[in-house]
Amino acid sequence: MPLTPRQAQALTAAADGVPLREVGARLGITREQASSLLSRAYERLDVVHVPRDRRRAAAVRAAVRRGLITLPTEESSAP
């Protein structure tokens, strides 16, 4: 199942492993809203069975592999 645009934004913001508070700040939402968006994205990407400490990375890999999100390359994020 595809991600909603907001779920894709949340997963992209979370891809570098920042805390939920930072994900929320990047999106202009609360930590709780960020958590909810990511939880629903994990369900849609079918990674809820992955251990919690590896779930976010598994979701990012699955979303990139399916073409649902793109991550900035190091070249494009360099100043």
N, C-alpha and C. Protein backbone atom coordinates (compact mmCIF):
# COMPACT_ATOMS: atom_id res chain seq x y z
N MET A 1 0.85 -1.17 0.00
CA MET A 1 0.00 0.00 0.00
C MET A 1 0.90 1.24 0.00
N PRO A 2 0.57 2.24 -0.80
CA PRO A 2 1.41 3.44 -0.83
C PRO A 2 1.27 4.27 0.44
N LEU A 3 2.24 5.13 0.64
CA LEU A 3 2.20 6.05 1.77
C LEU A 3 1.41 7.29 1.39
N THR A 4 0.82 7.93 2.40
CA THR A 4 0.23 9.23 2.13
C THR A 4 1.39 10.22 1.96
N PRO A 5 1.14 11.36 1.32
CA PRO A 5 2.23 12.34 1.18
C PRO A 5 2.83 12.74 2.53
N ARG A 6 2.00 12.89 3.55
CA ARG A 6 2.51 13.30 4.86
C ARG A 6 3.32 12.19 5.51
N GLN A 7 2.91 10.94 5.34
CA GLN A 7 3.69 9.82 5.87
C GLN A 7 5.05 9.77 5.18
N ALA A 8 5.07 9.99 3.88
CA ALA A 8 6.33 10.01 3.14
C ALA A 8 7.23 11.13 3.65
N GLN A 9 6.66 12.29 3.92
CA GLN A 9 7.45 13.40 4.46
C GLN A 9 8.03 13.04 5.83
N ALA A 10 7.21 12.44 6.66
CA ALA A 10 7.67 12.07 8.01
C ALA A 10 8.78 11.04 7.93
N LEU A 11 8.63 10.04 7.07
CA LEU A 11 9.65 9.01 6.95
C LEU A 11 10.95 9.58 6.39
N THR A 12 10.83 10.48 5.44
CA THR A 12 12.02 11.13 4.89
C THR A 12 12.71 11.96 5.97
N ALA A 13 11.93 12.69 6.76
CA ALA A 13 12.50 13.50 7.83
C ALA A 13 13.15 12.64 8.90
N ALA A 14 12.66 11.43 9.09
CA ALA A 14 13.17 10.54 10.12
C ALA A 14 14.30 9.65 9.63
N ALA A 15 14.58 9.67 8.35
CA ALA A 15 15.52 8.73 7.75
C ALA A 15 16.93 8.79 8.33
N ASP A 16 17.33 9.96 8.80
CA ASP A 16 18.70 10.06 9.32
C ASP A 16 18.78 9.74 10.81
N GLY A 17 17.70 9.20 11.37
CA GLY A 17 17.74 8.69 12.74
C GLY A 17 17.53 9.71 13.84
N VAL A 18 17.06 10.88 13.50
CA VAL A 18 16.84 11.90 14.53
C VAL A 18 15.69 11.50 15.44
N PRO A 19 15.65 12.05 16.65
CA PRO A 19 14.55 11.74 17.57
C PRO A 19 13.20 12.25 17.03
N LEU A 20 12.13 11.66 17.54
CA LEU A 20 10.79 12.06 17.09
C LEU A 20 10.53 13.55 17.28
N ARG A 21 11.07 14.12 18.33
CA ARG A 21 10.89 15.56 18.56
C ARG A 21 11.45 16.36 17.37
N GLU A 22 12.60 15.93 16.86
CA GLU A 22 13.21 16.61 15.71
C GLU A 22 12.41 16.37 14.43
N VAL A 23 11.90 15.16 14.27
CA VAL A 23 11.04 14.87 13.10
C VAL A 23 9.84 15.82 13.13
N GLY A 24 9.23 15.94 14.28
CA GLY A 24 8.10 16.86 14.43
C GLY A 24 8.48 18.29 14.11
N ALA A 25 9.62 18.72 14.63
CA ALA A 25 10.07 20.10 14.38
C ALA A 25 10.30 20.33 12.89
N ARG A 26 10.88 19.36 12.22
CA ARG A 26 11.13 19.49 10.77
C ARG A 26 9.83 19.63 9.98
N LEU A 27 8.77 19.01 10.50
CA LEU A 27 7.49 19.04 9.80
C LEU A 27 6.51 20.07 10.37
N GLY A 28 6.89 20.72 11.45
CA GLY A 28 6.01 21.70 12.07
C GLY A 28 4.84 21.08 12.80
N ILE A 29 5.07 19.88 13.38
CA ILE A 29 4.03 19.16 14.11
C ILE A 29 4.59 18.71 15.45
N THR A 30 3.74 18.15 16.30
CA THR A 30 4.21 17.67 17.60
C THR A 30 4.92 16.33 17.46
N ARG A 31 5.63 15.98 18.51
CA ARG A 31 6.31 14.68 18.57
C ARG A 31 5.29 13.56 18.42
N GLU A 32 4.15 13.72 19.08
CA GLU A 32 3.10 12.70 19.05
C GLU A 32 2.53 12.52 17.64
N GLN A 33 2.34 13.64 16.94
CA GLN A 33 1.84 13.55 15.56
C GLN A 33 2.87 12.87 14.67
N ALA A 34 4.15 13.17 14.88
CA ALA A 34 5.21 12.52 14.10
C ALA A 34 5.21 11.02 14.37
N SER A 35 5.07 10.65 15.64
CA SER A 35 5.03 9.24 16.01
C SER A 35 3.86 8.53 15.33
N SER A 36 2.71 9.16 15.33
CA SER A 36 1.53 8.57 14.71
C SER A 36 1.72 8.38 13.20
N LEU A 37 2.26 9.39 12.55
CA LEU A 37 2.51 9.28 11.10
C LEU A 37 3.47 8.13 10.80
N LEU A 38 4.53 8.04 11.58
CA LEU A 38 5.51 6.97 11.34
C LEU A 38 4.92 5.60 11.63
N SER A 39 4.13 5.50 12.70
CA SER A 39 3.51 4.20 13.02
C SER A 39 2.61 3.73 11.89
N ARG A 40 1.82 4.64 11.33
CA ARG A 40 0.96 4.26 10.21
C ARG A 40 1.78 3.92 8.97
N ALA A 41 2.89 4.62 8.76
CA ALA A 41 3.77 4.29 7.63
C ALA A 41 4.37 2.90 7.82
N TYR A 42 4.76 2.55 9.04
CA TYR A 42 5.32 1.22 9.30
C TYR A 42 4.29 0.13 8.97
N GLU A 43 3.04 0.39 9.32
CA GLU A 43 1.98 -0.58 9.00
C GLU A 43 1.84 -0.74 7.49
N ARG A 44 1.80 0.39 6.78
CA ARG A 44 1.62 0.33 5.33
C ARG A 44 2.81 -0.34 4.64
N LEU A 45 3.99 -0.20 5.22
CA LEU A 45 5.18 -0.80 4.63
C LEU A 45 5.43 -2.22 5.14
N ASP A 46 4.55 -2.68 6.03
CA ASP A 46 4.61 -4.03 6.59
C ASP A 46 5.94 -4.33 7.28
N VAL A 47 6.35 -3.38 8.13
CA VAL A 47 7.57 -3.59 8.90
C VAL A 47 7.29 -3.64 10.40
N VAL A 48 6.03 -3.78 10.77
CA VAL A 48 5.70 -3.80 12.20
C VAL A 48 6.27 -5.03 12.91
N HIS A 49 6.62 -6.06 12.16
CA HIS A 49 7.19 -7.28 12.74
C HIS A 49 8.68 -7.13 13.05
N VAL A 50 9.31 -6.10 12.50
CA VAL A 50 10.73 -5.86 12.70
C VAL A 50 10.95 -5.34 14.13
N PRO A 51 12.00 -5.78 14.80
CA PRO A 51 12.25 -5.26 16.16
C PRO A 51 12.26 -3.73 16.17
N ARG A 52 11.73 -3.18 17.22
CA ARG A 52 11.53 -1.73 17.32
C ARG A 52 12.80 -0.94 17.03
N ASP A 53 13.94 -1.40 17.50
CA ASP A 53 15.18 -0.64 17.31
C ASP A 53 15.66 -0.65 15.85
N ARG A 54 15.06 -1.47 15.02
CA ARG A 54 15.44 -1.52 13.60
C ARG A 54 14.31 -1.16 12.66
N ARG A 55 13.16 -0.86 13.21
CA ARG A 55 11.95 -0.65 12.41
C ARG A 55 12.05 0.56 11.48
N ARG A 56 12.55 1.68 11.99
CA ARG A 56 12.62 2.89 11.18
C ARG A 56 13.53 2.67 9.97
N ALA A 57 14.69 2.07 10.20
CA ALA A 57 15.61 1.81 9.09
C ALA A 57 15.00 0.85 8.07
N ALA A 58 14.28 -0.16 8.56
CA ALA A 58 13.62 -1.11 7.66
C ALA A 58 12.55 -0.41 6.83
N ALA A 59 11.83 0.50 7.45
CA ALA A 59 10.78 1.25 6.74
C ALA A 59 11.39 2.14 5.67
N VAL A 60 12.48 2.81 6.01
CA VAL A 60 13.15 3.68 5.03
C VAL A 60 13.64 2.85 3.85
N ARG A 61 14.28 1.72 4.13
CA ARG A 61 14.76 0.85 3.04
C ARG A 61 13.60 0.38 2.16
N ALA A 62 12.51 -0.05 2.78
CA ALA A 62 11.36 -0.53 2.02
C ALA A 62 10.77 0.59 1.16
N ALA A 63 10.64 1.78 1.72
CA ALA A 63 10.06 2.90 0.99
C ALA A 63 10.94 3.33 -0.17
N VAL A 64 12.25 3.35 0.03
CA VAL A 64 13.18 3.72 -1.05
C VAL A 64 13.12 2.66 -2.14
N ARG A 65 13.16 1.39 -1.74
CA ARG A 65 13.13 0.28 -2.70
C ARG A 65 11.87 0.31 -3.56
N ARG A 66 10.74 0.71 -2.96
CA ARG A 66 9.47 0.77 -3.70
C ARG A 66 9.27 2.09 -4.43
N GLY A 67 10.23 3.01 -4.28
CA GLY A 67 10.12 4.30 -4.95
C GLY A 67 9.12 5.24 -4.29
N LEU A 68 8.83 5.02 -3.02
CA LEU A 68 7.85 5.85 -2.32
C LEU A 68 8.47 7.11 -1.73
N ILE A 69 9.77 7.05 -1.44
CA ILE A 69 10.50 8.23 -0.98
C ILE A 69 11.87 8.24 -1.66
N THR A 70 12.43 9.41 -1.73
CA THR A 70 13.82 9.53 -2.18
C THR A 70 14.57 10.27 -1.08
N LEU A 71 15.79 9.87 -0.90
CA LEU A 71 16.62 10.50 0.12
C LEU A 71 17.63 11.40 -0.55
N PRO A 72 17.95 12.51 0.09
CA PRO A 72 18.97 13.39 -0.50
C PRO A 72 20.31 12.67 -0.53
N THR A 73 21.05 12.87 -1.59
CA THR A 73 22.39 12.30 -1.67
C THR A 73 23.33 13.19 -0.89
N GLU A 74 24.48 12.66 -0.54
CA GLU A 74 25.44 13.47 0.20
C GLU A 74 25.89 14.68 -0.61
N GLU A 75 25.98 14.51 -1.91
CA GLU A 75 26.36 15.64 -2.77
C GLU A 75 25.35 16.76 -2.71
N SER A 76 24.05 16.40 -2.76
CA SER A 76 23.03 17.43 -2.77
C SER A 76 22.82 18.08 -1.41
N SER A 77 23.28 17.41 -0.34
CA SER A 77 23.13 18.00 0.99
C SER A 77 24.37 18.76 1.43
N ALA A 78 25.43 18.70 0.63
CA ALA A 78 26.65 19.43 0.97
C ALA A 78 26.44 20.92 0.71
N PRO A 79 27.09 21.78 1.54
CA PRO A 79 26.90 23.22 1.36
C PRO A 79 27.50 23.76 0.08
